[in-house]
Amino acid sequence: MRFQHIVLASLSAILAFSAPATAQSIDYERLDARLSRLAADQDIVGLSVAVIDQGEIAFSKGYGVTEAGGPPVTDETVFRWASLSKGVAATEVAILASQARLNITDPVSKFATTLRLPNGGEAKATLEDVLSHRLGILPNAYDTRLEDGWEAADIRTSLRSLKSICPVGDCHTYQNVAYDSIAEVIEDVTQSRYADAVEASVFKPIGMVTASIGRAGLESAPSWAKPHSKRSRDLGPPDKKIVNDDYYRVPAAGGVNGSIRDLALYARAHMGLLPEVLSDSALDMLQAPRIYTRREQSSMSRRYSGTVRDARYALGWRVYKYGEPGYRVVGHRGAVEGYRSYILFDPERDTGVVILWNSSSRKPNGIGFEVMDMAYNLPFRDWMELDGEVTAGSH
């Protein structure tokens, strides 16, 4: 037995010596200084950032204020996660699938949902199609009706009156109202409220203490960021900031709130660091690319100079190739009125970044690229646009 231990120890030493170096060099002092500069921008109100470095939350900090004249943002300040909520819904489905309580190849019509598609497409569309936005209807179908106060269930039923733009499963067209049929599926399977199912299966097991679903969860937090945008309803005295309810009515698509600390814990789980919550098979299910997203690729190429390639959609997640030689990264972005959110990570290196802010500025998106560039030891680029246009430089 001791001989076996010696052999195994020797083999481990050889493998460790021969393994390719993956040293990372995230300069947290420099990152902090740049984030402080960004937070001073007049378009930034509050900002919260965390970095997971080789599996550990190495950096977690708030900048700015929760509202003009209000208290400072901390890493426990709660923001809306917007479309990062889609990954949460997909996570719940993956957990239920791992428990054999449903299958992602099940048709939507198997469950008690209000989703109706052109030509009875709900009988053909699978849960996988819903979670990867492959329903064959125009992008963001009838979001305007949601914003006009329609009930989400009524809108989902009315989708059957649309014309298909491709067969179910053949093209990617991003959805919110239709995507939220997943909340109905989860309620049908668990016989519980969607928020309760997610709390029990995702939030609590991961250790997320500020995460919630719905407006009440946001506004009851000890520290929460008020919405800020250039739209008229968000202008005026700090105590008159209005939280827009529209996308809380499609909770699987945009209903989650939480702090940056909880978002970092959530990211760690999706790196495979909590196998008792998310098994390898569940993560493979969630992160396997399903369809190429031409529109996303065009947008990323135009704004980020080819740093991100081969943009594809998985289940509630986006998957990209980053830099050279094309590191595989997983992420998503979110936006609702007065809030933005961002997550990007490399599941092989257990390294990534999460960002929350309460304004409509696009500049914080650049934080993710600056962090990942440092992680990969790539040349520095001013992705936050603190000095004007993005330019190449030395790391």
Protein backbone atom coordinates (compact mmCIF):
# COMPACT_ATOMS: atom_id res chain seq x y z
CA MET A 1 0.00 0.00 0.00
CA ARG A 2 2.81 2.43 0.90
CA PHE A 3 4.48 1.60 -2.44
CA GLN A 4 1.28 2.61 -4.24
CA HIS A 5 1.25 5.92 -2.37
CA ILE A 6 4.87 6.56 -3.38
CA VAL A 7 4.11 5.77 -7.03
CA LEU A 8 1.04 7.99 -7.03
CA ALA A 9 2.94 10.83 -5.37
CA SER A 10 5.75 10.51 -7.91
CA LEU A 11 3.29 10.47 -10.79
CA SER A 12 1.55 13.58 -9.42
CA ALA A 13 4.87 15.36 -9.16
CA ILE A 14 5.75 14.46 -12.77
CA LEU A 15 2.36 15.66 -14.02
CA ALA A 16 2.64 18.88 -12.07
CA PHE A 17 6.14 19.49 -13.47
CA SER A 18 5.10 18.75 -17.05
CA ALA A 19 1.77 20.63 -16.98
CA PRO A 20 1.71 23.82 -19.04
CA ALA A 21 2.08 26.98 -17.03
CA THR A 22 -1.17 28.86 -16.50
CA ALA A 23 0.14 31.61 -14.26
CA GLN A 24 -2.28 34.49 -14.01
CA SER A 25 -1.42 38.07 -13.30
CA ILE A 26 -4.47 40.06 -12.32
CA ASP A 27 -3.15 43.31 -10.89
CA TYR A 28 -5.76 44.18 -8.26
CA GLU A 29 -4.16 47.46 -7.26
CA ARG A 30 -4.29 48.63 -10.85
CA LEU A 31 -7.83 47.30 -11.28
CA ASP A 32 -8.99 49.14 -8.15
CA ALA A 33 -7.47 52.39 -9.38
CA ARG A 34 -9.13 52.07 -12.77
CA LEU A 35 -12.49 51.22 -11.23
CA SER A 36 -12.21 54.29 -9.00
CA ARG A 37 -11.62 56.39 -12.10
CA LEU A 38 -14.58 54.79 -13.86
CA ALA A 39 -16.86 55.36 -10.87
CA ALA A 40 -16.03 59.08 -11.04
CA ASP A 41 -17.57 59.26 -14.53
CA GLN A 42 -20.70 61.41 -14.49
CA ASP A 43 -22.72 58.61 -16.12
CA ILE A 44 -21.85 56.12 -13.37
CA VAL A 45 -23.87 56.25 -10.14
CA GLY A 46 -23.04 53.01 -8.34
CA LEU A 47 -20.88 50.08 -9.37
CA SER A 48 -19.98 46.75 -7.81
CA VAL A 49 -17.30 44.34 -9.07
CA ALA A 50 -15.96 40.96 -7.99
CA VAL A 51 -13.22 38.76 -9.44
CA ILE A 52 -12.94 35.02 -9.01
CA ASP A 53 -9.27 34.07 -9.41
CA GLN A 54 -8.44 30.36 -9.64
CA GLY A 55 -11.60 29.50 -7.74
CA GLU A 56 -11.32 32.09 -4.98
CA ILE A 57 -13.17 35.38 -4.66
CA ALA A 58 -10.02 37.47 -4.72
CA PHE A 59 -11.64 40.88 -5.16
CA SER A 60 -15.09 42.16 -4.18
CA LYS A 61 -15.81 45.87 -3.86
CA GLY A 62 -18.40 48.58 -4.36
CA TYR A 63 -17.87 52.05 -5.84
CA GLY A 64 -20.01 55.15 -6.00
CA VAL A 65 -23.38 55.47 -4.29
CA THR A 66 -26.74 53.73 -4.28
CA GLU A 67 -28.34 56.99 -5.43
CA ALA A 68 -27.36 60.64 -5.75
CA GLY A 69 -26.52 61.83 -2.24
CA GLY A 70 -27.11 58.35 -0.85
CA PRO A 71 -24.94 55.83 1.00
CA PRO A 72 -21.96 54.17 -0.67
CA VAL A 73 -22.23 50.94 -2.61
CA THR A 74 -20.65 47.91 -0.90
CA ASP A 75 -20.24 44.32 -2.01
CA GLU A 76 -23.50 43.55 -0.18
CA THR A 77 -25.55 46.19 -2.02
CA VAL A 78 -28.36 44.56 -3.98
CA PHE A 79 -28.88 45.32 -7.69
CA ARG A 80 -31.17 43.86 -10.32
CA TRP A 81 -29.52 41.11 -12.36
CA ALA A 82 -31.76 41.66 -15.40
CA SER A 83 -31.11 39.01 -18.08
CA LEU A 84 -28.57 37.16 -15.95
CA SER A 85 -31.83 35.78 -14.55
CA LYS A 86 -32.08 33.58 -17.65
CA GLY A 87 -29.10 31.55 -16.52
CA VAL A 88 -30.72 31.11 -13.11
CA ALA A 89 -33.86 29.65 -14.73
CA ALA A 90 -31.74 27.36 -16.88
CA THR A 91 -29.81 26.29 -13.78
CA GLU A 92 -33.04 25.24 -12.07
CA VAL A 93 -34.02 23.22 -15.15
CA ALA A 94 -30.62 21.50 -15.21
CA ILE A 95 -31.01 20.57 -11.55
CA LEU A 96 -34.50 19.16 -12.17
CA ALA A 97 -33.15 17.24 -15.18
CA SER A 98 -30.36 15.77 -13.04
CA GLN A 99 -33.09 14.58 -10.66
CA ALA A 100 -34.93 12.98 -13.61
CA ARG A 101 -37.95 15.19 -12.98
CA LEU A 102 -37.93 16.50 -16.55
CA ASN A 103 -35.87 16.24 -19.72
CA ILE A 104 -34.68 19.19 -21.81
CA THR A 105 -35.94 17.33 -24.89
CA ASP A 106 -39.50 17.34 -23.51
CA PRO A 107 -41.89 19.45 -25.61
CA VAL A 108 -43.26 22.56 -23.97
CA SER A 109 -46.78 21.22 -24.51
CA LYS A 110 -46.07 18.45 -22.00
CA PHE A 111 -46.32 21.04 -19.21
CA ALA A 112 -48.96 23.48 -18.00
CA THR A 113 -47.78 26.65 -19.72
CA THR A 114 -49.44 29.54 -21.54
CA LEU A 115 -46.93 29.50 -24.40
CA ARG A 116 -48.59 29.21 -27.80
CA LEU A 117 -46.53 29.42 -30.97
CA PRO A 118 -47.43 29.81 -34.64
CA ASN A 119 -48.83 26.65 -36.22
CA GLY A 120 -48.97 24.84 -32.88
CA GLY A 121 -45.20 25.08 -32.53
CA GLU A 122 -45.37 24.54 -28.78
CA ALA A 123 -45.88 20.83 -29.48
CA LYS A 124 -42.58 20.72 -31.36
CA ALA A 125 -40.55 23.22 -29.32
CA THR A 126 -38.58 21.60 -26.51
CA LEU A 127 -37.37 23.06 -23.24
CA GLU A 128 -33.96 23.16 -24.88
CA ASP A 129 -35.39 25.31 -27.68
CA VAL A 130 -36.91 27.74 -25.19
CA LEU A 131 -33.70 28.02 -23.16
CA SER A 132 -31.58 28.63 -26.27
CA HIS A 133 -34.06 31.05 -27.91
CA ARG A 134 -34.81 28.83 -30.91
CA LEU A 135 -38.58 29.29 -31.13
CA GLY A 136 -38.68 30.64 -34.67
CA ILE A 137 -40.44 33.93 -33.84
CA LEU A 138 -39.15 37.47 -34.21
CA PRO A 139 -36.62 38.62 -31.58
CA ASN A 140 -38.02 40.04 -28.32
CA ALA A 141 -41.51 39.15 -29.48
CA TYR A 142 -44.14 41.41 -27.90
CA ASP A 143 -41.82 42.86 -25.24
CA THR A 144 -43.59 46.14 -25.99
CA ARG A 145 -46.88 44.62 -24.82
CA LEU A 146 -45.21 43.69 -21.53
CA GLU A 147 -43.99 47.27 -21.21
CA ASP A 148 -47.54 48.47 -21.94
CA GLY A 149 -48.88 46.56 -18.95
CA TRP A 150 -50.21 43.34 -20.52
CA GLU A 151 -50.15 40.19 -18.39
CA ALA A 152 -47.25 37.97 -19.42
CA ALA A 153 -49.52 34.90 -19.70
CA ASP A 154 -51.82 36.71 -22.12
CA ILE A 155 -48.87 37.80 -24.24
CA ARG A 156 -47.51 34.26 -24.40
CA THR A 157 -50.87 33.00 -25.66
CA SER A 158 -51.00 35.76 -28.28
CA LEU A 159 -47.63 34.72 -29.75
CA ARG A 160 -49.49 32.14 -31.85
CA SER A 161 -50.72 34.97 -34.09
CA LEU A 162 -47.19 35.78 -35.25
CA LYS A 163 -45.64 34.51 -38.44
CA SER A 164 -42.72 32.12 -38.05
CA ILE A 165 -39.42 33.46 -39.33
CA CYS A 166 -37.83 30.01 -39.31
CA PRO A 167 -38.76 26.47 -38.21
CA VAL A 168 -38.54 25.82 -34.47
CA GLY A 169 -34.94 24.92 -33.61
CA ASP A 170 -33.38 26.44 -36.74
CA CYS A 171 -32.48 30.00 -35.77
CA HIS A 172 -31.66 32.08 -32.69
CA THR A 173 -34.08 34.90 -31.86
CA TYR A 174 -33.69 36.30 -28.35
CA GLN A 175 -36.84 36.25 -26.19
CA ASN A 176 -38.13 37.48 -22.83
CA VAL A 177 -41.86 36.79 -22.61
CA ALA A 178 -41.60 33.41 -24.35
CA TYR A 179 -38.51 32.48 -22.31
CA ASP A 180 -40.49 32.99 -19.11
CA SER A 181 -42.63 29.96 -19.98
CA ILE A 182 -39.77 28.13 -18.22
CA ALA A 183 -41.03 29.57 -14.93
CA GLU A 184 -44.39 27.94 -15.65
CA VAL A 185 -42.67 24.63 -16.43
CA ILE A 186 -40.75 24.76 -13.15
CA GLU A 187 -43.90 25.54 -11.19
CA ASP A 188 -45.70 22.65 -12.87
CA VAL A 189 -42.91 20.20 -12.08
CA THR A 190 -42.18 21.34 -8.51
CA GLN A 191 -45.76 22.32 -7.58
CA SER A 192 -44.34 25.40 -5.91
CA ARG A 193 -43.89 29.06 -6.73
CA TYR A 194 -41.03 29.72 -9.13
CA ALA A 195 -39.27 31.95 -6.60
CA ASP A 196 -39.53 29.28 -3.91
CA ALA A 197 -38.19 26.54 -6.20
CA VAL A 198 -35.16 28.61 -7.15
CA GLU A 199 -34.53 29.65 -3.55
CA ALA A 200 -34.51 26.01 -2.45
CA SER A 201 -32.47 24.55 -5.31
CA VAL A 202 -30.11 27.36 -6.30
CA PHE A 203 -29.81 30.28 -3.90
CA LYS A 204 -29.61 28.48 -0.55
CA PRO A 205 -27.37 25.56 -1.62
CA ILE A 206 -24.88 27.98 -3.19
CA GLY A 207 -24.92 30.14 -0.05
CA MET A 208 -26.44 33.24 -1.64
CA VAL A 209 -27.87 35.35 1.19
CA THR A 210 -29.10 38.48 -0.64
CA ALA A 211 -30.50 36.86 -3.79
CA SER A 212 -34.23 37.08 -4.40
CA ILE A 213 -36.84 37.19 -7.14
CA GLY A 214 -39.23 40.13 -7.43
CA ARG A 215 -39.38 43.80 -6.57
CA ALA A 216 -40.05 43.26 -2.87
CA GLY A 217 -36.76 41.39 -2.51
CA LEU A 218 -34.88 44.33 -4.01
CA GLU A 219 -36.52 47.08 -2.02
CA SER A 220 -36.44 45.25 1.32
CA ALA A 221 -32.66 44.76 1.21
CA PRO A 222 -30.69 46.73 3.86
CA SER A 223 -28.64 48.26 1.01
CA TRP A 224 -30.05 48.44 -2.50
CA ALA A 225 -29.15 50.47 -5.56
CA LYS A 226 -31.81 52.80 -6.98
CA PRO A 227 -32.33 52.84 -10.76
CA HIS A 228 -30.85 55.65 -12.82
CA SER A 229 -31.32 56.30 -16.52
CA LYS A 230 -31.90 59.16 -18.89
CA ARG A 231 -35.56 58.30 -19.31
CA SER A 232 -37.90 60.81 -17.71
CA ARG A 233 -39.37 58.51 -15.08
CA ASP A 234 -35.93 58.14 -13.47
CA LEU A 235 -35.17 61.85 -13.27
CA GLY A 236 -36.08 63.85 -10.20
CA PRO A 237 -35.43 63.70 -6.46
CA PRO A 238 -33.57 60.64 -5.11
CA ASP A 239 -36.63 59.51 -3.14
CA LYS A 240 -38.72 59.47 -6.31
CA LYS A 241 -36.67 56.93 -8.25
CA ILE A 242 -39.10 54.39 -9.68
CA VAL A 243 -38.27 50.71 -10.04
CA ASN A 244 -39.77 49.50 -13.30
CA ASP A 245 -41.89 46.39 -12.69
CA ASP A 246 -42.20 45.25 -16.32
CA TYR A 247 -39.56 42.52 -16.38
CA TYR A 248 -40.26 41.37 -12.85
CA ARG A 249 -43.44 39.97 -14.44
CA VAL A 250 -41.27 37.53 -16.43
CA PRO A 251 -39.11 36.29 -13.54
CA ALA A 252 -37.29 33.56 -15.48
CA ALA A 253 -36.17 36.19 -17.98
CA GLY A 254 -35.42 39.16 -15.73
CA GLY A 255 -36.62 38.80 -12.15
CA VAL A 256 -33.51 38.11 -10.02
CA ASN A 257 -31.85 40.54 -7.58
CA GLY A 258 -28.67 40.10 -5.59
CA SER A 259 -25.35 41.53 -4.45
CA ILE A 260 -22.04 41.23 -6.24
CA ARG A 261 -20.88 38.83 -3.53
CA ASP A 262 -23.76 36.49 -4.32
CA LEU A 263 -23.17 36.84 -8.06
CA ALA A 264 -19.55 35.80 -7.49
CA LEU A 265 -20.69 32.74 -5.52
CA TYR A 266 -23.09 31.91 -8.34
CA ALA A 267 -20.24 32.21 -10.88
CA ARG A 268 -18.06 29.86 -8.80
CA ALA A 269 -20.81 27.25 -8.85
CA HIS A 270 -20.90 27.46 -12.63
CA MET A 271 -17.16 26.89 -12.75
CA GLY A 272 -17.81 23.46 -11.26
CA LEU A 273 -16.64 24.31 -7.76
CA LEU A 274 -19.87 23.16 -6.06
CA PRO A 275 -20.46 19.72 -7.57
CA GLU A 276 -22.98 18.87 -4.84
CA VAL A 277 -25.18 21.64 -6.30
CA LEU A 278 -24.23 21.55 -9.99
CA SER A 279 -22.78 18.28 -11.25
CA ASP A 280 -20.46 18.03 -14.24
CA SER A 281 -23.32 16.67 -16.31
CA ALA A 282 -25.56 19.60 -15.34
CA LEU A 283 -22.82 22.08 -16.26
CA ASP A 284 -22.21 20.32 -19.57
CA MET A 285 -25.93 20.58 -20.27
CA LEU A 286 -25.97 24.29 -19.46
CA GLN A 287 -22.77 25.36 -21.19
CA ALA A 288 -22.74 23.29 -24.38
CA PRO A 289 -23.23 25.71 -27.32
CA ARG A 290 -26.50 25.12 -29.17
CA ILE A 291 -26.57 27.73 -31.91
CA TYR A 292 -24.39 30.41 -33.53
CA THR A 293 -25.56 33.95 -32.78
CA ARG A 294 -24.66 36.10 -35.76
CA ARG A 295 -26.16 39.28 -34.32
CA GLU A 296 -24.22 38.96 -31.08
CA GLN A 297 -21.01 38.20 -32.95
CA SER A 298 -21.44 41.27 -35.13
CA SER A 299 -22.01 43.47 -32.09
CA MET A 300 -19.03 42.09 -30.19
CA SER A 301 -16.71 42.31 -33.21
CA ARG A 302 -17.68 45.90 -33.85
CA ARG A 303 -17.19 47.02 -30.26
CA TYR A 304 -14.38 44.75 -29.09
CA SER A 305 -12.17 44.49 -32.17
CA GLY A 306 -12.30 40.76 -32.72
CA THR A 307 -11.25 39.86 -29.16
CA VAL A 308 -14.37 37.69 -28.90
CA ARG A 309 -15.17 35.17 -31.65
CA ASP A 310 -17.59 32.36 -32.42
CA ALA A 311 -20.44 33.74 -30.29
CA ARG A 312 -22.93 30.98 -29.53
CA TYR A 313 -25.86 30.48 -27.20
CA ALA A 314 -26.12 27.58 -24.76
CA LEU A 315 -28.95 27.25 -22.20
CA GLY A 316 -29.42 30.70 -20.65
CA TRP A 317 -25.71 31.36 -21.24
CA ARG A 318 -23.53 32.71 -24.03
CA VAL A 319 -20.30 30.96 -25.00
CA TYR A 320 -17.38 32.62 -26.82
CA LYS A 321 -13.80 32.10 -27.91
CA TYR A 322 -11.64 34.78 -26.32
CA GLY A 323 -8.39 36.12 -27.76
CA GLU A 324 -5.72 33.84 -29.12
CA PRO A 325 -5.63 30.87 -29.25
CA GLY A 326 -9.35 31.13 -28.47
CA TYR A 327 -9.93 30.46 -24.78
CA ARG A 328 -13.45 29.19 -24.06
CA VAL A 329 -15.38 31.64 -21.91
CA VAL A 330 -18.98 31.61 -20.70
CA GLY A 331 -21.03 34.67 -19.85
CA HIS A 332 -24.07 36.88 -20.31
CA ARG A 333 -25.11 40.52 -20.08
CA GLY A 334 -28.29 42.06 -18.73
CA ALA A 335 -30.17 45.34 -18.95
CA VAL A 336 -33.44 46.65 -17.56
CA GLU A 337 -34.35 50.28 -17.04
CA GLY A 338 -31.82 51.81 -14.66
CA TYR A 339 -29.66 48.70 -14.18
CA ARG A 340 -26.99 46.70 -16.02
CA SER A 341 -25.25 43.39 -15.23
CA TYR A 342 -22.39 41.31 -16.60
CA ILE A 343 -20.74 37.95 -15.99
CA LEU A 344 -17.81 36.37 -17.85
CA PHE A 345 -15.62 33.44 -16.80
CA ASP A 346 -13.28 30.72 -17.98
CA PRO A 347 -14.54 27.46 -16.44
CA GLU A 348 -11.24 25.67 -17.12
CA ARG A 349 -9.19 28.21 -15.17
CA ASP A 350 -11.89 28.87 -12.54
CA THR A 351 -11.39 32.55 -13.20
CA GLY A 352 -13.82 35.30 -14.11
CA VAL A 353 -15.47 38.61 -13.33
CA VAL A 354 -18.96 39.78 -12.33
CA ILE A 355 -20.26 43.36 -12.50
CA LEU A 356 -23.43 45.17 -11.41
CA TRP A 357 -24.29 48.84 -11.84
CA ASN A 358 -27.33 51.11 -11.58
CA SER A 359 -27.11 53.26 -14.69
CA SER A 360 -27.35 52.80 -18.44
CA SER A 361 -23.66 53.46 -19.17
CA ARG A 362 -21.97 50.85 -21.37
CA LYS A 363 -18.46 51.56 -20.10
CA PRO A 364 -18.54 48.99 -17.24
CA ASN A 365 -18.80 46.23 -19.85
CA GLY A 366 -15.13 46.93 -20.53
CA ILE A 367 -14.21 45.84 -17.00
CA GLY A 368 -14.78 42.22 -18.00
CA PHE A 369 -12.35 42.46 -20.90
CA GLU A 370 -9.67 44.21 -18.86
CA VAL A 371 -9.87 41.52 -16.16
CA MET A 372 -9.78 38.62 -18.62
CA ASP A 373 -6.93 40.23 -20.56
CA MET A 374 -4.93 40.33 -17.33
CA ALA A 375 -5.87 36.75 -16.52
CA TYR A 376 -4.57 35.63 -19.92
CA ASN A 377 -1.52 37.92 -19.82
CA LEU A 378 -2.69 39.73 -22.94
CA PRO A 379 -1.57 43.26 -23.86
CA PHE A 380 -3.40 46.03 -22.04
CA ARG A 381 -6.25 47.80 -23.80
CA ASP A 382 -8.35 50.59 -22.38
CA TRP A 383 -11.64 48.69 -22.64
CA MET A 384 -13.25 50.95 -20.02
CA GLU A 385 -12.54 53.91 -22.33
CA LEU A 386 -11.13 56.00 -19.51
CA ASP A 387 -8.76 57.76 -21.89
CA GLY A 388 -10.98 57.99 -24.96
CA GLU A 389 -11.14 55.35 -27.69
CA VAL A 390 -9.89 51.83 -27.06
CA THR A 391 -6.25 51.57 -28.06
CA ALA A 392 -3.64 48.83 -27.91
CA GLY A 393 -0.77 49.15 -25.48
CA SER A 394 1.66 47.19 -23.35
CA HIS A 395 0.42 45.08 -20.44
